[in-house]
Amino acid sequence: MNEELARLLPPPPERDVPPGRLAHHKDRLMQLIDDDRATAPAVSTPVAARRPRPRLPRPALWLPAAALTLAGALTVGLVTAMDSGYGLRQSDDESAVVLLDRIADVAAETEVEPVRDDQLVYLKLLTAGAEAEDENSVFVPGKPHTLEKWVSQEPGLVQQLALHYENGDYFPLRELLPPGSPGVPAGIDRPTYKWLAALPTDPDELLAELHRLIKPFEGQERSQAVFDKIGELLNASVMPPKTAAALYEAAARIPGVTRIENAVDPAGRHGVGIRRVDERASWATEWVFDRENLTYLGERSYLTADGSMGKKGTVMDETAVLERAVVDEYRERPDSSSAAAR
């Protein structure tokens, strides 16, 4: 009843960044802070030169963790079974379960060399995220660009989570921490190989653990929060095979997952997809897999209804994984022959 009454109320005047942009804006904020601290005048920000520098928005646009709410950010409404424009969906949800089970089988049989604590996970991505000039503007999809990341695997507390290379410059990624904080531990928001390997491999137990670890944003369906987090883990890590298989099997147990027969990643690679729509927030997340070998290619999030943040179909966040490997040093780029299995 309370939810029905809430839907009848007008949306609040404030709105915040959708969940798919959290990591993007946090990275941008960290990079801007690092730029301000740098003494060399030649250091530039990672904002693309082709795009006019936007006016500094209110803090919620850059640090949504301070006051994140999706209620009112998007037009609330039921999403129909119509196609989103990114591929045709089969009518039977069982097809998604069958596909995820097949992908899990492939993941379980993939050979992956364990990552040591002193090594780094290297990722080469083609990525883009929608941005708004200020809180009164609609979001505009960004242009995909290359991003390279070296992600720390240290098991203890760390101050620097990763090193990014974007738009010709290197930028350390640091978590926002209070003064004197020792750092960030390995966990759901800093998933090291060792931490991932310690997760339950029984899909039901894993799903229960994810529900315990993940807190939905206000206005977000709990199942969507778990689905999106699984996508983040698959996107940003070299994964132990048993863990990867369990994540796909856990995703198959999430209600509302559907199959996309023709999904396309930001690199233009066509494949088969798995999608879930958050009907409460009018938000969809779609994973893309190679049609032949069922390896993970990337993901995309977009709006499923017109709202204050943009029109239906607006791509809010998209990433294609171009290369994934394990290296020993920051700024080290792997040979193609040494790349780890996706």
Protein backbone atom coordinates (compact mmCIF):
# COMPACT_ATOMS: atom_id res chain seq x y z
CA MET A 1 0.00 0.00 0.00
CA ASN A 2 2.80 2.43 0.89
CA GLU A 3 4.47 1.73 -2.44
CA GLU A 4 1.22 2.40 -4.32
CA LEU A 5 0.75 5.70 -2.48
CA ALA A 6 4.35 6.66 -3.23
CA ARG A 7 3.74 6.17 -6.94
CA LEU A 8 0.87 8.67 -6.86
CA LEU A 9 3.03 11.40 -5.34
CA PRO A 10 4.92 13.83 -7.61
CA PRO A 11 8.64 13.12 -7.92
CA PRO A 12 10.96 15.05 -5.59
CA PRO A 13 12.75 18.03 -7.14
CA GLU A 14 16.22 16.56 -6.61
CA ARG A 15 17.60 13.68 -8.58
CA ASP A 16 20.80 11.74 -8.42
CA VAL A 17 23.03 9.66 -10.59
CA PRO A 18 21.70 6.19 -11.51
CA PRO A 19 23.50 3.15 -10.09
CA GLY A 20 25.31 2.36 -13.33
CA ARG A 21 27.27 5.61 -13.12
CA LEU A 22 28.52 5.33 -9.53
CA ALA A 23 31.94 3.95 -10.36
CA HIS A 24 32.34 6.31 -13.33
CA HIS A 25 31.73 9.48 -11.32
CA LYS A 26 33.80 8.24 -8.40
CA ASP A 27 36.71 7.65 -10.78
CA ARG A 28 36.27 11.13 -12.27
CA LEU A 29 36.24 12.72 -8.83
CA MET A 30 39.39 10.87 -7.80
CA GLN A 31 41.13 11.92 -10.99
CA LEU A 32 40.19 15.57 -10.50
CA ILE A 33 41.46 15.47 -6.92
CA ASP A 34 44.74 13.93 -8.06
CA ASP A 35 45.07 16.64 -10.73
CA ASP A 36 44.60 19.39 -8.15
CA ARG A 37 47.33 17.85 -5.99
CA ALA A 38 49.80 17.54 -8.85
CA THR A 39 52.44 20.25 -9.16
CA ALA A 40 53.35 19.71 -12.79
CA PRO A 41 51.36 22.08 -15.02
CA ALA A 42 51.43 19.59 -17.89
CA VAL A 43 49.08 17.16 -16.12
CA SER A 44 45.60 17.33 -17.59
CA THR A 45 42.23 16.00 -16.54
CA PRO A 46 40.77 12.97 -18.33
CA VAL A 47 37.84 14.90 -19.72
CA ALA A 48 37.81 14.43 -23.48
CA ALA A 49 39.06 17.49 -25.32
CA ARG A 50 36.32 17.23 -27.90
CA ARG A 51 33.64 17.74 -25.26
CA PRO A 52 33.18 21.23 -23.71
CA ARG A 53 34.09 21.20 -20.04
CA PRO A 54 30.80 21.12 -18.12
CA ARG A 55 29.94 23.41 -15.26
CA LEU A 56 30.71 21.78 -11.93
CA PRO A 57 27.49 20.07 -10.88
CA ARG A 58 26.24 19.74 -7.34
CA PRO A 59 28.11 17.09 -5.28
CA ALA A 60 25.42 14.43 -5.76
CA LEU A 61 26.31 14.19 -9.45
CA TRP A 62 29.96 13.51 -8.64
CA LEU A 63 29.65 11.78 -5.26
CA PRO A 64 26.27 10.05 -5.31
CA ALA A 65 27.10 7.92 -2.27
CA ALA A 66 26.49 10.99 -0.11
CA ALA A 67 22.80 11.19 -0.92
CA LEU A 68 21.78 8.65 -3.51
CA THR A 69 18.13 8.13 -4.34
CA LEU A 70 16.59 6.70 -7.44
CA ALA A 71 13.05 7.52 -6.34
CA GLY A 72 11.95 10.35 -8.57
CA ALA A 73 15.12 10.16 -10.65
CA LEU A 74 13.38 8.10 -13.27
CA THR A 75 9.75 7.99 -14.28
CA VAL A 76 8.20 5.13 -12.37
CA GLY A 77 6.10 2.78 -14.42
CA LEU A 78 5.68 -0.77 -15.44
CA VAL A 79 7.90 -1.89 -18.29
CA THR A 80 6.20 -3.97 -20.93
CA ALA A 81 7.65 -6.94 -22.74
CA MET A 82 8.38 -4.81 -25.80
CA ASP A 83 11.83 -4.79 -27.30
CA SER A 84 14.20 -2.08 -26.02
CA GLY A 85 15.81 -1.48 -29.39
CA TYR A 86 18.90 -3.56 -28.62
CA GLY A 87 17.62 -6.93 -29.76
CA LEU A 88 14.56 -9.17 -29.72
CA ARG A 89 13.70 -11.01 -26.55
CA GLN A 90 12.35 -14.51 -26.48
CA SER A 91 9.00 -14.73 -24.74
CA ASP A 92 9.92 -17.63 -22.44
CA ASP A 93 12.14 -16.70 -19.48
CA GLU A 94 13.32 -20.31 -19.36
CA SER A 95 15.53 -19.58 -22.38
CA ALA A 96 17.59 -17.19 -20.21
CA VAL A 97 18.04 -19.89 -17.57
CA VAL A 98 19.15 -22.41 -20.19
CA LEU A 99 21.61 -19.91 -21.69
CA LEU A 100 23.08 -18.99 -18.28
CA ASP A 101 23.51 -22.66 -17.44
CA ARG A 102 25.41 -23.17 -20.71
CA ILE A 103 27.59 -20.13 -19.99
CA ALA A 104 28.26 -21.47 -16.49
CA ASP A 105 29.42 -24.79 -17.97
CA VAL A 106 31.84 -22.96 -20.27
CA ALA A 107 33.15 -20.81 -17.40
CA ALA A 108 33.72 -23.85 -15.18
CA GLU A 109 35.87 -25.49 -17.86
CA THR A 110 37.95 -22.39 -18.64
CA GLU A 111 41.56 -22.62 -17.51
CA VAL A 112 42.62 -19.60 -15.45
CA GLU A 113 45.98 -19.23 -13.77
CA PRO A 114 45.44 -18.12 -10.14
CA VAL A 115 46.40 -14.51 -9.50
CA ARG A 116 48.99 -13.92 -6.78
CA ASP A 117 48.57 -11.22 -4.18
CA ASP A 118 51.56 -9.30 -5.55
CA GLN A 119 50.23 -9.28 -9.12
CA LEU A 120 47.75 -6.98 -10.88
CA VAL A 121 44.70 -7.62 -13.01
CA TYR A 122 45.04 -5.73 -16.30
CA LEU A 123 41.93 -4.69 -18.22
CA LYS A 124 41.62 -2.94 -21.55
CA LEU A 125 38.10 -1.62 -22.01
CA LEU A 126 36.05 0.37 -24.47
CA THR A 127 33.72 2.34 -22.25
CA ALA A 128 31.37 5.30 -22.14
CA GLY A 129 29.02 6.88 -19.64
CA ALA A 130 26.24 9.40 -19.92
CA GLU A 131 26.83 12.77 -18.27
CA ALA A 132 24.67 15.77 -17.42
CA GLU A 133 25.86 19.35 -17.39
CA ASP A 134 23.99 20.03 -14.17
CA GLU A 135 21.07 18.72 -12.13
CA ASN A 136 18.55 20.35 -14.44
CA SER A 137 19.90 18.79 -17.63
CA VAL A 138 19.09 15.43 -19.17
CA PHE A 139 21.88 12.88 -19.48
CA VAL A 140 23.65 12.62 -22.83
CA PRO A 141 25.42 9.38 -23.82
CA GLY A 142 29.19 9.67 -23.94
CA LYS A 143 31.42 8.60 -26.80
CA PRO A 144 33.16 5.25 -26.22
CA HIS A 145 36.87 5.55 -25.54
CA THR A 146 39.66 3.21 -24.45
CA LEU A 147 40.43 2.78 -20.77
CA GLU A 148 43.24 0.66 -19.36
CA LYS A 149 43.24 -0.42 -15.72
CA TRP A 150 45.73 -2.10 -13.41
CA VAL A 151 43.80 -3.39 -10.39
CA SER A 152 45.51 -4.16 -7.09
CA GLN A 153 45.19 -7.70 -5.70
CA GLU A 154 46.71 -7.02 -2.29
CA PRO A 155 44.69 -8.83 0.37
CA GLY A 156 45.11 -6.20 3.08
CA LEU A 157 44.06 -2.58 3.34
CA VAL A 158 45.07 -0.42 0.35
CA GLN A 159 44.93 3.28 -0.37
CA GLN A 160 45.28 2.99 -4.16
CA LEU A 161 42.74 0.63 -5.66
CA ALA A 162 43.98 0.78 -9.23
CA LEU A 163 45.85 2.77 -11.84
CA HIS A 164 43.96 4.07 -14.89
CA TYR A 165 45.27 5.14 -18.29
CA GLU A 166 42.76 7.30 -20.14
CA ASN A 167 42.99 10.08 -22.72
CA GLY A 168 46.79 9.94 -22.71
CA ASP A 169 47.38 10.18 -18.96
CA TYR A 170 47.80 7.89 -15.96
CA PHE A 171 45.54 8.43 -12.95
CA PRO A 172 45.65 6.58 -9.63
CA LEU A 173 42.23 5.54 -8.38
CA ARG A 174 41.87 6.05 -4.64
CA GLU A 175 38.86 5.51 -2.44
CA LEU A 176 37.48 8.51 -0.58
CA LEU A 177 38.63 7.85 2.97
CA PRO A 178 38.52 9.89 6.18
CA PRO A 179 41.87 11.30 7.34
CA GLY A 180 44.00 8.62 8.95
CA SER A 181 42.07 5.72 7.44
CA PRO A 182 44.35 2.73 6.77
CA GLY A 183 42.68 1.86 3.46
CA VAL A 184 40.10 -0.36 1.80
CA PRO A 185 39.96 -4.13 2.46
CA ALA A 186 39.28 -6.77 -0.16
CA GLY A 187 35.56 -7.39 -0.46
CA ILE A 188 32.44 -6.88 -2.55
CA ASP A 189 33.60 -3.39 -3.58
CA ARG A 190 37.26 -4.42 -4.05
CA PRO A 191 37.01 -7.98 -5.35
CA THR A 192 40.47 -9.54 -5.48
CA TYR A 193 41.05 -12.98 -6.96
CA LYS A 194 41.62 -14.46 -3.50
CA TRP A 195 38.41 -12.90 -2.15
CA LEU A 196 36.42 -14.17 -5.13
CA ALA A 197 37.87 -17.66 -4.68
CA ALA A 198 36.59 -17.69 -1.08
CA LEU A 199 32.96 -17.08 -2.10
CA PRO A 200 30.52 -20.01 -1.95
CA THR A 201 30.39 -22.00 -5.17
CA ASP A 202 26.94 -23.41 -4.52
CA PRO A 203 24.70 -21.01 -6.50
CA ASP A 204 21.97 -20.85 -3.85
CA GLU A 205 24.47 -20.15 -1.08
CA LEU A 206 26.24 -17.60 -3.28
CA LEU A 207 22.99 -15.81 -4.08
CA ALA A 208 22.14 -15.64 -0.38
CA GLU A 209 25.62 -14.24 0.36
CA LEU A 210 25.25 -11.59 -2.34
CA HIS A 211 21.88 -10.56 -0.92
CA ARG A 212 23.59 -10.16 2.43
CA LEU A 213 26.51 -8.12 1.09
CA ILE A 214 24.67 -5.86 -1.37
CA LYS A 215 22.47 -2.99 -0.27
CA PRO A 216 20.06 -1.70 -2.94
CA PHE A 217 19.84 1.99 -3.65
CA GLU A 218 16.67 3.74 -2.64
CA GLY A 219 14.07 3.01 -5.28
CA GLN A 220 16.00 0.06 -6.72
CA GLU A 221 14.74 -3.50 -6.73
CA ARG A 222 16.89 -5.80 -4.60
CA SER A 223 17.08 -8.35 -7.40
CA GLN A 224 18.35 -5.65 -9.77
CA ALA A 225 21.04 -4.62 -7.28
CA VAL A 226 22.30 -8.19 -7.14
CA PHE A 227 22.12 -8.63 -10.92
CA ASP A 228 24.05 -5.40 -11.53
CA LYS A 229 26.71 -6.32 -8.97
CA ILE A 230 27.24 -9.72 -10.59
CA GLY A 231 27.78 -7.89 -13.87
CA GLU A 232 30.34 -5.59 -12.23
CA LEU A 233 32.25 -8.58 -10.85
CA LEU A 234 32.29 -10.32 -14.23
CA ASN A 235 33.31 -7.09 -15.94
CA ALA A 236 36.24 -6.07 -13.76
CA SER A 237 38.01 -9.22 -12.61
CA VAL A 238 39.98 -12.26 -13.60
CA MET A 239 37.66 -14.85 -12.12
CA PRO A 240 38.29 -18.26 -10.58
CA PRO A 241 36.43 -20.70 -12.87
CA LYS A 242 34.26 -22.19 -10.13
CA THR A 243 33.30 -18.72 -8.89
CA ALA A 244 32.42 -17.54 -12.40
CA ALA A 245 30.25 -20.59 -12.98
CA ALA A 246 28.50 -20.08 -9.63
CA LEU A 247 27.82 -16.41 -10.43
CA TYR A 248 26.15 -17.31 -13.72
CA GLU A 249 24.10 -20.03 -12.02
CA ALA A 250 23.12 -17.57 -9.30
CA ALA A 251 22.06 -15.05 -11.96
CA ALA A 252 19.83 -17.73 -13.49
CA ARG A 253 17.95 -17.84 -10.19
CA ILE A 254 17.22 -14.10 -10.15
CA PRO A 255 13.59 -13.46 -11.16
CA GLY A 256 13.07 -11.41 -14.30
CA VAL A 257 16.17 -12.33 -16.30
CA THR A 258 15.46 -12.64 -20.01
CA ARG A 259 17.35 -13.62 -23.13
CA ILE A 260 18.27 -11.23 -25.96
CA GLU A 261 18.80 -12.91 -29.31
CA ASN A 262 20.79 -10.08 -30.90
CA ALA A 263 22.79 -8.06 -28.37
CA VAL A 264 25.60 -5.66 -29.36
CA ASP A 265 28.47 -4.45 -27.18
CA PRO A 266 30.09 -0.97 -27.48
CA ALA A 267 32.78 -2.42 -29.77
CA GLY A 268 30.10 -3.43 -32.26
CA ARG A 269 30.43 -7.14 -31.56
CA HIS A 270 27.15 -9.00 -31.99
CA GLY A 271 26.20 -11.81 -29.69
CA VAL A 272 23.54 -13.17 -27.41
CA GLY A 273 22.49 -11.31 -24.30
CA ILE A 274 21.01 -11.60 -20.82
CA ARG A 275 18.90 -8.68 -19.63
CA ARG A 276 17.05 -7.67 -16.51
CA VAL A 277 14.72 -4.67 -16.23
CA ASP A 278 14.18 -2.84 -12.96
CA GLU A 279 10.50 -2.02 -13.39
CA ARG A 280 10.50 0.26 -10.37
CA ALA A 281 13.30 2.46 -11.70
CA SER A 282 12.72 2.01 -15.47
CA TRP A 283 16.31 0.84 -15.82
CA ALA A 284 17.73 -2.13 -17.74
CA THR A 285 21.09 -3.85 -17.62
CA GLU A 286 22.19 -6.15 -20.43
CA TRP A 287 25.15 -8.55 -20.58
CA VAL A 288 26.58 -9.54 -23.99
CA PHE A 289 28.24 -12.89 -24.78
CA ASP A 290 29.95 -14.25 -27.86
CA ARG A 291 27.42 -16.37 -29.72
CA GLU A 292 29.92 -19.10 -30.62
CA ASN A 293 32.05 -19.63 -27.50
CA LEU A 294 29.79 -17.87 -24.94
CA THR A 295 32.62 -15.75 -23.49
CA TYR A 296 31.67 -12.49 -21.80
CA LEU A 297 32.03 -9.45 -24.09
CA GLY A 298 30.60 -6.55 -22.13
CA GLU A 299 27.48 -4.88 -20.80
CA ARG A 300 25.16 -1.93 -21.31
CA SER A 301 22.64 -0.09 -19.10
CA TYR A 302 19.88 2.13 -20.47
CA LEU A 303 16.59 3.80 -19.63
CA THR A 304 13.39 1.91 -20.40
CA ALA A 305 10.99 4.87 -20.11
CA ASP A 306 11.04 8.62 -20.68
CA GLY A 307 11.91 10.52 -17.52
CA SER A 308 13.70 13.50 -16.05
CA MET A 309 17.08 11.91 -16.77
CA GLY A 310 16.45 11.30 -20.46
CA LYS A 311 14.39 9.53 -23.07
CA LYS A 312 13.67 5.84 -23.29
CA GLY A 313 16.62 3.98 -24.79
CA THR A 314 19.26 6.48 -23.59
CA VAL A 315 22.43 4.50 -22.93
CA MET A 316 23.66 5.44 -19.47
CA ASP A 317 26.68 3.18 -19.20
CA GLU A 318 28.41 0.69 -21.51
CA THR A 319 31.62 -1.29 -21.46
CA ALA A 320 33.29 -3.79 -23.78
CA VAL A 321 36.14 -5.93 -22.47
CA LEU A 322 38.86 -5.91 -25.12
CA GLU A 323 41.60 -7.63 -23.13
CA ARG A 324 41.98 -9.16 -19.71
CA ALA A 325 45.27 -10.45 -18.28
CA VAL A 326 47.53 -10.73 -15.25
CA VAL A 327 50.73 -8.65 -15.01
CA ASP A 328 53.42 -8.08 -12.41
CA GLU A 329 53.87 -4.29 -12.52
CA TYR A 330 51.83 -1.15 -12.93
CA ARG A 331 51.93 0.19 -16.51
CA GLU A 332 52.94 -3.25 -17.79
CA ARG A 333 50.95 -4.30 -20.83
CA PRO A 334 50.65 -8.00 -21.59
CA ASP A 335 51.52 -9.72 -24.83
CA SER A 336 48.49 -11.08 -26.59
CA SER A 337 49.77 -14.59 -25.94
CA SER A 338 49.78 -14.02 -22.17
CA ALA A 339 46.25 -12.66 -21.88
CA ALA A 340 44.13 -14.53 -19.38
CA ALA A 341 40.96 -16.26 -20.46
CA ARG A 342 37.91 -14.08 -20.29
